[in-house]
Amino acid sequence: MAVGNVEYDFGGPGCPAPALLSPRSLTWASLKRQIPWPEDGIRGFASCLALFRLLPAKEVLGTKLRESGKPLRYRFNAFSSSVVQLVPCAFSTYLYGSNFFLWTWILASGGHTGSVIYDVKTWLAMRPGLTGWHRAYGFLSDSMVFLVAVQAYYVLEGQYAEQGIVGMMDFKTDGLGFMLTFGDIVWVPFLYSTQCRYLAMYPVHMGPFGLAAMGIVFTVGLYILRTSNAREILFREDPDHPAFNNMPYLQTRRGTRLLTGGWWGRARHVNYLGDWLQSLPFCLPTGITGYVILPAGAATGAGAAMMLDGRQVVPGGAAGWGILVTHFYSAWFGLLLVNRERRDDRACVEKYGEDWLEYKRTVRWRILPGITRWNKLDRASASCRRPYE
């Protein structure tokens, strides 16, 4: 099978462990020191693998492979696996509060437990920031409760509809390389937990109006994302559905149709707009971030938060600088979606050829209606590529 030119994103395929660059002197001990290998090895994955194999699962056929023309069958049960893990944790937390041994173990000195199951996926099932704040201050604030609630919904709702991943670009066309593996097991857990970690140390009270504003932003983003994706899936499965009776579309030479009405007539990736909007309430509850921890008894001014041990947390000279960390997720996510739109555009040029250029003339906007429309540079780049046959 002929292999075409390989294209990389974000600067290339990534840097391997240095030990791999010297095969003659390569040892397992030296390699483990340079990669995030858990102390208990693959045994740390045992519970996840057991739940994956033992619990009932929904089986879904994926995209047909280019090599064989046949789809693979996938099992999905992430939601039920999370429920099995969360229920005993919730019950034990109800009985023992923040003294439940799991929370004290996760919040060990240095923040490292040695178990990949919890160190990597704490953001998904455990949410230590919630108990960490309770242990430091003795109360929970509206910003922490709101943030945990929207993130829990985002994660669990995504797991509940897990089978939808087979239609995503990451699953269908992207190879399992550095970008996906590093992003899934390092980048995403770090970015999702940063805000809760901040609020665990410096509480922020949003009040009823702040809560309402954040709730509206999250709801609007979620509505745009879910309704646009639902219409796309329905149109792909049944383009003659009554919901599309009076909706325009573009007939392609491949025999398929491209929807040019409704949400998909406003922008070519309007679902990305909804996805980015719902990322804002992950960051905005932290406010104008930055804090300094002062010893007990230190004189402070307004805005100080008193911990149970007497230490005081104040904005001080760090006020504002924390935004670079707590708001980084939403900024990075926006850049990621822009990059993803560009990659998808290249793939569609390959797939649809001139039909895709006609579609872009009809639906001019990329992600945000009214901004970054189709232009002549797109035609120039498309002319360099071979249309999909």
Protein backbone atom coordinates (compact mmCIF):
# COMPACT_ATOMS: atom_id res chain seq x y z
CA MET A 1 0.00 0.00 0.00
CA ALA A 2 1.42 3.37 -1.02
CA VAL A 3 2.05 5.85 1.74
CA GLY A 4 1.67 9.54 0.97
CA ASN A 5 3.30 12.49 2.62
CA VAL A 6 2.91 12.52 6.38
CA GLU A 7 1.74 15.78 7.94
CA TYR A 8 2.37 16.66 11.57
CA ASP A 9 0.65 19.14 13.85
CA PHE A 10 2.01 21.24 16.74
CA GLY A 11 5.63 21.11 15.61
CA GLY A 12 6.07 17.45 14.74
CA PRO A 13 5.62 13.90 16.02
CA GLY A 14 7.07 14.66 19.44
CA CYS A 15 10.35 13.77 21.17
CA PRO A 16 10.97 10.14 22.17
CA ALA A 17 12.59 9.12 25.42
CA PRO A 18 16.36 9.80 25.05
CA ALA A 19 17.15 6.19 25.97
CA LEU A 20 15.46 5.04 22.73
CA LEU A 21 18.01 6.99 20.69
CA SER A 22 20.77 4.59 21.77
CA PRO A 23 19.43 1.06 21.12
CA ARG A 24 22.71 -0.65 21.97
CA SER A 25 22.78 0.70 25.52
CA LEU A 26 19.00 0.62 26.01
CA THR A 27 17.82 -1.00 29.24
CA TRP A 28 14.36 -1.32 30.75
CA ALA A 29 15.52 0.45 33.92
CA SER A 30 16.79 3.50 32.00
CA LEU A 31 13.66 3.67 29.88
CA LYS A 32 11.32 3.55 32.90
CA ARG A 33 13.12 6.51 34.43
CA GLN A 34 12.38 8.63 31.35
CA ILE A 35 8.73 7.76 30.75
CA PRO A 36 5.69 8.10 33.05
CA TRP A 37 5.74 4.41 34.01
CA PRO A 38 3.68 3.79 37.18
CA GLU A 39 5.43 2.27 40.16
CA ASP A 40 3.13 -0.76 40.12
CA GLY A 41 3.47 -1.22 36.35
CA ILE A 42 0.57 -2.47 34.29
CA ARG A 43 -1.10 -3.81 37.43
CA GLY A 44 -2.29 -0.24 38.03
CA PHE A 45 -4.63 -0.64 35.06
CA ALA A 46 -6.17 -3.83 36.40
CA SER A 47 -9.35 -2.30 37.81
CA CYS A 48 -10.08 -0.32 34.65
CA LEU A 49 -9.47 -3.33 32.43
CA ALA A 50 -11.60 -5.53 34.67
CA LEU A 51 -14.54 -3.10 34.56
CA PHE A 52 -14.15 -2.74 30.80
CA ARG A 53 -14.34 -6.50 30.27
CA LEU A 54 -16.86 -7.50 32.96
CA LEU A 55 -19.53 -4.78 32.84
CA PRO A 56 -22.21 -4.80 30.12
CA ALA A 57 -21.22 -2.70 27.14
CA LYS A 58 -22.81 -1.21 24.05
CA GLU A 59 -21.14 -2.46 20.90
CA VAL A 60 -20.86 -0.08 17.96
CA LEU A 61 -19.38 -0.47 14.49
CA GLY A 62 -16.76 2.10 13.61
CA THR A 63 -15.79 3.66 10.28
CA LYS A 64 -14.89 1.28 7.48
CA LEU A 65 -11.13 0.78 7.24
CA ARG A 66 -9.42 1.95 4.07
CA GLU A 67 -7.37 -1.24 3.85
CA SER A 68 -10.16 -3.83 4.14
CA GLY A 69 -13.34 -1.82 3.67
CA LYS A 70 -14.74 -3.42 6.85
CA PRO A 71 -15.55 -1.68 10.16
CA LEU A 72 -14.25 -2.73 13.55
CA ARG A 73 -16.53 -3.43 16.51
CA TYR A 74 -16.00 -1.39 19.68
CA ARG A 75 -17.28 -1.85 23.24
CA PHE A 76 -18.35 1.22 25.25
CA ASN A 77 -19.09 1.15 28.99
CA ALA A 78 -17.11 4.11 30.41
CA PHE A 79 -20.22 5.62 32.04
CA SER A 80 -21.18 2.46 33.95
CA SER A 81 -17.52 1.98 34.94
CA SER A 82 -17.42 5.48 36.41
CA VAL A 83 -20.68 4.88 38.27
CA VAL A 84 -19.23 1.72 39.82
CA GLN A 85 -16.23 3.74 41.01
CA LEU A 86 -18.12 6.87 42.06
CA VAL A 87 -20.94 5.33 44.11
CA PRO A 88 -18.74 3.77 46.83
CA CYS A 89 -16.60 6.92 46.91
CA ALA A 90 -19.67 9.12 47.35
CA PHE A 91 -21.12 6.88 50.06
CA SER A 92 -17.83 6.71 51.97
CA THR A 93 -17.37 10.47 51.67
CA TYR A 94 -20.88 10.93 53.11
CA LEU A 95 -19.91 8.77 56.10
CA TYR A 96 -16.36 10.00 56.71
CA GLY A 97 -16.19 13.37 54.92
CA SER A 98 -12.76 14.63 53.98
CA ASN A 99 -11.18 12.07 56.33
CA PHE A 100 -12.13 9.22 54.00
CA PHE A 101 -8.82 7.37 53.47
CA LEU A 102 -8.94 7.73 49.68
CA TRP A 103 -8.92 11.53 49.84
CA THR A 104 -6.10 11.64 52.38
CA TRP A 105 -4.17 9.20 50.18
CA ILE A 106 -4.67 11.23 47.02
CA LEU A 107 -3.78 14.45 48.82
CA ALA A 108 -0.54 12.93 50.08
CA SER A 109 2.57 15.06 50.45
CA GLY A 110 3.82 16.12 47.04
CA GLY A 111 0.52 15.24 45.40
CA HIS A 112 1.82 11.92 44.03
CA THR A 113 0.14 8.63 44.83
CA GLY A 114 2.19 6.34 42.62
CA SER A 115 -0.96 4.96 40.97
CA VAL A 116 -1.71 5.91 37.39
CA ILE A 117 -5.38 5.13 38.00
CA TYR A 118 -5.76 8.09 40.35
CA ASP A 119 -2.89 10.38 39.40
CA VAL A 120 -4.02 10.55 35.76
CA LYS A 121 -7.79 10.26 36.10
CA THR A 122 -8.47 12.07 39.35
CA TRP A 123 -10.19 14.84 37.40
CA LEU A 124 -12.65 12.29 36.08
CA ALA A 125 -13.83 10.38 39.13
CA MET A 126 -12.34 11.76 42.31
CA ARG A 127 -12.18 15.56 42.06
CA PRO A 128 -9.79 16.07 44.98
CA GLY A 129 -10.10 19.85 44.84
CA LEU A 130 -13.52 19.58 46.46
CA THR A 131 -12.26 17.78 49.54
CA GLY A 132 -8.98 19.66 49.50
CA TRP A 133 -10.83 22.94 49.99
CA HIS A 134 -13.00 21.49 52.74
CA ARG A 135 -9.89 20.30 54.59
CA ALA A 136 -8.20 23.73 54.27
CA TYR A 137 -11.12 26.04 55.11
CA GLY A 138 -13.91 23.93 56.60
CA PHE A 139 -16.51 25.08 54.05
CA LEU A 140 -17.40 24.96 50.38
CA SER A 141 -17.99 28.05 48.24
CA ASP A 142 -20.35 28.55 45.33
CA SER A 143 -17.53 28.78 42.77
CA MET A 144 -16.12 25.37 43.71
CA VAL A 145 -19.53 23.69 43.82
CA PHE A 146 -20.45 25.20 40.43
CA LEU A 147 -17.14 24.25 38.83
CA VAL A 148 -17.29 20.66 40.06
CA ALA A 149 -20.91 20.38 38.93
CA VAL A 150 -20.33 21.57 35.34
CA GLN A 151 -17.15 19.50 34.96
CA ALA A 152 -18.87 16.40 36.35
CA TYR A 153 -21.73 16.89 33.92
CA TYR A 154 -19.34 17.47 31.03
CA VAL A 155 -17.37 14.30 31.75
CA LEU A 156 -20.23 11.98 32.66
CA GLU A 157 -22.48 13.17 29.84
CA GLY A 158 -19.61 12.60 27.42
CA GLN A 159 -19.16 9.08 28.78
CA TYR A 160 -22.88 8.40 28.60
CA ALA A 161 -22.78 9.22 24.87
CA GLU A 162 -19.36 7.57 24.48
CA GLN A 163 -20.25 5.73 21.28
CA GLY A 164 -20.37 9.06 19.45
CA ILE A 165 -16.57 9.09 19.44
CA VAL A 166 -16.49 6.74 16.45
CA GLY A 167 -17.69 9.59 14.25
CA MET A 168 -15.14 12.13 15.50
CA MET A 169 -12.13 13.26 13.52
CA ASP A 170 -9.71 12.11 16.25
CA PHE A 171 -11.09 8.58 16.00
CA LYS A 172 -11.61 8.28 12.25
CA THR A 173 -8.57 9.94 10.70
CA ASP A 174 -5.96 10.90 13.33
CA GLY A 175 -3.27 8.39 14.10
CA LEU A 176 -2.53 7.37 17.68
CA GLY A 177 0.63 9.44 17.99
CA PHE A 178 2.18 11.91 20.38
CA MET A 179 -0.59 14.53 20.13
CA LEU A 180 -3.43 12.20 21.16
CA THR A 181 -1.58 10.11 23.74
CA PHE A 182 0.08 13.04 25.49
CA GLY A 183 -3.11 15.08 25.32
CA ASP A 184 -5.33 12.34 26.72
CA ILE A 185 -3.19 11.12 29.61
CA VAL A 186 -1.27 14.29 30.56
CA TRP A 187 -2.59 17.51 29.05
CA VAL A 188 -6.33 17.08 29.60
CA PRO A 189 -6.11 15.89 33.24
CA PHE A 190 -3.75 18.76 34.07
CA LEU A 191 -5.86 21.47 32.44
CA TYR A 192 -9.16 20.18 33.84
CA SER A 193 -7.94 20.07 37.43
CA THR A 194 -6.03 23.36 37.56
CA GLN A 195 -9.03 25.54 38.40
CA CYS A 196 -10.23 23.30 41.25
CA ARG A 197 -6.72 23.22 42.63
CA TYR A 198 -6.63 27.02 42.63
CA LEU A 199 -10.01 27.34 44.32
CA ALA A 200 -8.93 24.80 46.93
CA MET A 201 -6.30 27.31 48.05
CA TYR A 202 -8.05 30.62 47.42
CA PRO A 203 -11.88 30.55 47.60
CA VAL A 204 -13.88 32.81 45.30
CA HIS A 205 -17.53 33.71 46.00
CA MET A 206 -19.47 34.48 42.82
CA GLY A 207 -22.86 35.24 44.35
CA PRO A 208 -26.26 34.62 42.70
CA PHE A 209 -25.64 36.91 39.71
CA GLY A 210 -22.26 35.38 38.98
CA LEU A 211 -23.70 31.89 39.22
CA ALA A 212 -26.54 32.83 36.88
CA ALA A 213 -24.16 34.36 34.34
CA MET A 214 -21.87 31.32 34.34
CA GLY A 215 -24.88 29.00 34.11
CA ILE A 216 -26.22 30.87 31.08
CA VAL A 217 -22.87 30.74 29.26
CA PHE A 218 -22.52 27.01 29.93
CA THR A 219 -26.11 26.28 28.89
CA VAL A 220 -25.86 28.27 25.65
CA GLY A 221 -22.59 26.59 24.71
CA LEU A 222 -23.97 23.16 25.53
CA TYR A 223 -27.14 23.85 23.53
CA ILE A 224 -25.22 24.91 20.41
CA LEU A 225 -22.87 21.94 20.65
CA ARG A 226 -25.48 19.25 21.26
CA THR A 227 -28.18 20.47 18.88
CA SER A 228 -25.76 21.07 16.00
CA ASN A 229 -24.10 17.68 16.49
CA ALA A 230 -27.48 15.96 16.74
CA ARG A 231 -28.60 17.50 13.45
CA GLU A 232 -25.36 16.50 11.77
CA ILE A 233 -25.67 12.88 12.91
CA LEU A 234 -29.35 12.70 11.92
CA PHE A 235 -28.63 14.16 8.47
CA ARG A 236 -25.78 11.71 7.93
CA GLU A 237 -27.93 8.73 8.88
CA ASP A 238 -31.20 9.85 7.24
CA PRO A 239 -30.90 12.87 4.91
CA ASP A 240 -34.56 12.44 3.91
CA HIS A 241 -35.83 12.83 7.48
CA PRO A 242 -38.83 15.21 7.75
CA ALA A 243 -36.69 17.57 9.86
CA PHE A 244 -34.79 18.49 6.66
CA ASN A 245 -37.77 18.87 4.32
CA ASN A 246 -37.29 22.60 3.79
CA MET A 247 -33.57 22.77 4.53
CA PRO A 248 -31.05 23.46 1.74
CA TYR A 249 -28.16 21.14 0.99
CA LEU A 250 -25.42 20.61 -1.58
CA GLN A 251 -25.42 17.39 -3.62
CA THR A 252 -21.87 16.10 -4.11
CA ARG A 253 -20.37 14.05 -6.91
CA ARG A 254 -19.76 11.27 -4.40
CA GLY A 255 -23.50 10.83 -4.01
CA THR A 256 -23.68 12.32 -0.52
CA ARG A 257 -25.12 15.62 0.67
CA LEU A 258 -23.65 18.54 2.58
CA LEU A 259 -26.11 20.37 4.81
CA THR A 260 -26.19 24.15 4.21
CA GLY A 261 -29.13 25.12 6.41
CA GLY A 262 -29.91 25.44 10.10
CA TRP A 263 -26.88 25.51 12.38
CA TRP A 264 -24.70 24.24 9.53
CA GLY A 265 -25.71 27.14 7.32
CA ARG A 266 -24.35 29.62 9.86
CA ALA A 267 -20.80 28.23 10.04
CA ARG A 268 -18.97 25.13 8.83
CA HIS A 269 -18.00 24.16 12.38
CA VAL A 270 -20.54 25.95 14.51
CA ASN A 271 -20.37 23.04 16.98
CA TYR A 272 -16.83 24.16 17.82
CA LEU A 273 -18.25 27.52 18.89
CA GLY A 274 -20.56 25.77 21.36
CA ASP A 275 -17.73 23.59 22.63
CA TRP A 276 -15.54 26.63 23.30
CA LEU A 277 -18.33 28.59 24.99
CA GLN A 278 -18.93 25.80 27.48
CA SER A 279 -15.22 25.83 28.34
CA LEU A 280 -15.44 29.40 29.67
CA PRO A 281 -17.30 28.46 32.93
CA PHE A 282 -14.41 26.09 33.67
CA CYS A 283 -12.11 29.10 34.05
CA LEU A 284 -14.11 32.25 34.76
CA PRO A 285 -15.25 31.24 38.30
CA THR A 286 -11.64 31.62 39.46
CA GLY A 287 -11.84 35.38 38.82
CA ILE A 288 -8.75 37.60 38.65
CA THR A 289 -6.41 34.97 39.97
CA GLY A 290 -3.18 34.97 41.93
CA TYR A 291 -2.49 34.60 45.66
CA VAL A 292 0.19 34.62 48.35
CA ILE A 293 0.05 32.43 51.48
CA LEU A 294 1.06 34.27 54.65
CA PRO A 295 1.91 32.66 58.00
CA ALA A 296 -0.60 32.70 60.84
CA GLY A 297 -0.84 36.04 62.60
CA ALA A 298 0.45 38.13 59.72
CA ALA A 299 -1.27 41.48 59.26
CA THR A 300 -3.46 41.49 56.17
CA GLY A 301 -5.88 43.78 54.43
CA ALA A 302 -9.13 43.18 52.61
CA GLY A 303 -9.62 40.04 50.56
CA ALA A 304 -7.79 37.67 52.90
CA ALA A 305 -9.01 34.08 53.30
CA MET A 306 -8.30 32.38 56.64
CA MET A 307 -7.39 28.69 56.66
CA LEU A 308 -8.22 26.39 59.56
CA ASP A 309 -4.56 26.33 60.62
CA GLY A 310 -4.44 30.14 60.82
CA ARG A 311 -2.55 30.80 57.62
CA GLN A 312 -3.92 33.58 55.45
CA VAL A 313 -4.23 33.69 51.67
CA VAL A 314 -4.24 37.11 49.99
CA PRO A 315 -3.95 38.33 46.38
CA GLY A 316 -0.87 40.39 47.18
CA GLY A 317 1.60 41.03 44.40
CA ALA A 318 0.50 37.86 42.60
CA ALA A 319 -2.94 39.28 41.72
CA GLY A 320 -3.64 38.84 38.03
CA TRP A 321 -0.69 36.59 37.23
CA GLY A 322 -2.63 33.46 38.04
CA ILE A 323 -4.83 34.04 34.98
CA LEU A 324 -1.99 32.67 32.88
CA VAL A 325 -2.63 29.31 34.56
CA THR A 326 -6.32 29.17 35.52
CA HIS A 327 -7.58 30.63 32.22
CA PHE A 328 -5.08 28.79 30.06
CA TYR A 329 -7.45 25.87 29.41
CA SER A 330 -10.05 27.96 27.58
CA ALA A 331 -7.43 29.88 25.59
CA TRP A 332 -5.62 26.69 24.56
CA PHE A 333 -8.90 24.95 23.74
CA GLY A 334 -9.81 27.79 21.39
CA LEU A 335 -6.48 27.47 19.56
CA LEU A 336 -6.93 23.70 19.42
CA LEU A 337 -10.36 24.04 17.81
CA VAL A 338 -9.02 26.49 15.23
CA ASN A 339 -6.24 24.03 14.38
CA ARG A 340 -8.75 21.19 14.21
CA GLU A 341 -10.96 23.18 11.82
CA ARG A 342 -7.97 23.69 9.51
CA ARG A 343 -7.12 19.98 9.58
CA ASP A 344 -10.72 19.00 8.90
CA ASP A 345 -10.85 21.47 6.03
CA ARG A 346 -7.82 19.83 4.40
CA ALA A 347 -9.39 16.39 4.85
CA CYS A 348 -12.66 17.55 3.26
CA VAL A 349 -10.81 19.02 0.28
CA GLU A 350 -9.24 15.59 -0.22
CA LYS A 351 -12.61 13.89 0.15
CA TYR A 352 -14.98 16.15 -1.79
CA GLY A 353 -12.71 18.10 -4.17
CA GLU A 354 -14.48 20.95 -6.00
CA ASP A 355 -17.73 20.21 -4.17
CA TRP A 356 -16.10 21.31 -0.93
CA LEU A 357 -15.02 24.60 -2.48
CA GLU A 358 -18.60 25.16 -3.61
CA TYR A 359 -19.79 24.35 -0.10
CA LYS A 360 -17.37 26.93 1.33
CA ARG A 361 -18.72 29.56 -1.03
CA THR A 362 -22.20 28.81 0.28
CA VAL A 363 -21.30 28.57 3.97
CA ARG A 364 -18.59 31.23 4.19
CA TRP A 365 -17.80 31.24 7.90
CA ARG A 366 -15.47 28.79 9.61
CA ILE A 367 -16.45 28.62 13.32
CA LEU A 368 -17.91 31.96 14.40
CA PRO A 369 -20.57 33.40 12.06
CA GLY A 370 -19.31 36.69 10.65
CA ILE A 371 -15.61 36.00 11.28
CA THR A 372 -12.86 34.19 9.28
CA ARG A 373 -14.67 33.36 6.09
CA TRP A 374 -13.60 31.39 3.01
CA ASN A 375 -11.14 33.27 0.82
CA LYS A 376 -8.97 32.89 -2.26
CA LEU A 377 -6.12 31.42 -0.26
CA ASP A 378 -8.31 28.39 0.42
CA ARG A 379 -8.71 27.82 -3.32
CA ALA A 380 -4.98 28.14 -3.86
CA SER A 381 -4.18 25.58 -1.18
CA ALA A 382 -6.90 23.23 -2.43
CA SER A 383 -5.56 23.29 -6.00
CA CYS A 384 -2.35 21.69 -4.73
CA ARG A 385 -4.19 18.63 -3.46
CA ARG A 386 -5.61 15.62 -5.24
CA PRO A 387 -9.42 15.38 -4.85
CA TYR A 388 -10.70 12.21 -3.28
CA GLU A 389 -11.81 9.56 -5.78
